[in-house]
Structures are given as C-alpha cells and as structure tokens.
Protein backbone atom coordinates (compact mmCIF):
# COMPACT_ATOMS: atom_id res chain seq x y z
CA UNK A 1 -7.68 -19.95 32.83
CA UNK A 2 -7.04 -20.65 29.32
CA UNK A 3 -7.25 -17.82 26.91
CA UNK A 4 -8.40 -18.44 23.26
CA UNK A 5 -6.21 -15.53 21.64
CA UNK A 6 -3.57 -15.94 19.14
CA UNK A 7 0.06 -16.06 20.34
CA UNK A 8 1.75 -12.45 19.99
CA UNK A 9 4.08 -13.52 17.26
CA UNK A 10 0.86 -14.22 15.07
CA UNK A 11 -0.58 -10.98 15.87
CA UNK A 12 2.79 -9.04 15.06
CA UNK A 13 2.97 -10.78 11.96
CA UNK A 14 -0.74 -9.80 11.12
CA UNK A 15 0.00 -6.17 12.07
CA UNK A 16 3.23 -6.17 9.65
CA UNK A 17 1.14 -7.58 7.03
CA UNK A 18 -1.53 -4.97 7.34
CA UNK A 19 1.34 -2.20 7.42
CA UNK A 20 3.02 -3.51 4.52
CA UNK A 21 -0.33 -3.48 2.44
CA UNK A 22 -1.04 -0.10 3.48
CA UNK A 23 2.53 1.09 2.32
CA UNK A 24 2.01 -0.79 -0.94
CA UNK A 25 -1.14 0.78 -1.53
CA UNK A 26 0.00 4.29 -0.71
CA UNK A 27 3.29 3.78 -3.04
CA UNK A 28 1.16 2.38 -5.84
CA UNK A 29 -1.46 5.32 -5.88
CA UNK A 30 1.64 7.72 -6.01
CA UNK A 31 3.12 5.96 -8.90
CA UNK A 32 -0.17 5.83 -10.66
CA UNK A 33 -0.60 9.79 -10.06
CA UNK A 34 2.89 10.36 -11.51
CA UNK A 35 1.95 8.01 -14.56
CA UNK A 36 -1.36 9.89 -14.98
CA UNK A 37 0.16 13.15 -14.72
CA UNK A 38 2.87 12.16 -17.29
CA UNK A 39 0.06 10.69 -19.75
CA UNK A 40 -1.89 13.96 -19.38
CA UNK A 41 1.08 16.10 -20.19
CA UNK A 42 2.02 14.47 -23.12
CA UNK A 43 -1.77 14.59 -24.40
CA UNK A 44 -2.19 18.06 -23.62
CA UNK A 45 1.31 19.56 -24.43
CA UNK A 46 2.24 17.00 -27.18
CA UNK A 47 5.38 15.21 -27.35
C-alpha cells in the first residue's frame, strides 16, 4: 500500500517552523509590552 503522506523529516521541519514562529511572536509581544510601558512611563511621569 502506498502512502501519500509527507516524510517524517518534512513534518518535523514544519513542526519546528511553527514552534519557532510561536516563540518569535511571544518574544515580540513581550518586547512590545516593555517598550509601551517605557513610553507610558516617560509620558505620564516625565523624563
């Protein structure tokens, strides 16, 4: 019987890519939160 599935290596790469994208989005949002907090502090409390 012939399977039409992708090889495990391709599946592993796709899973790795999704994990890396998720990590990048999480780290990016943490960095954005710190940046917004810093801007808000400067605006509200002054330099």
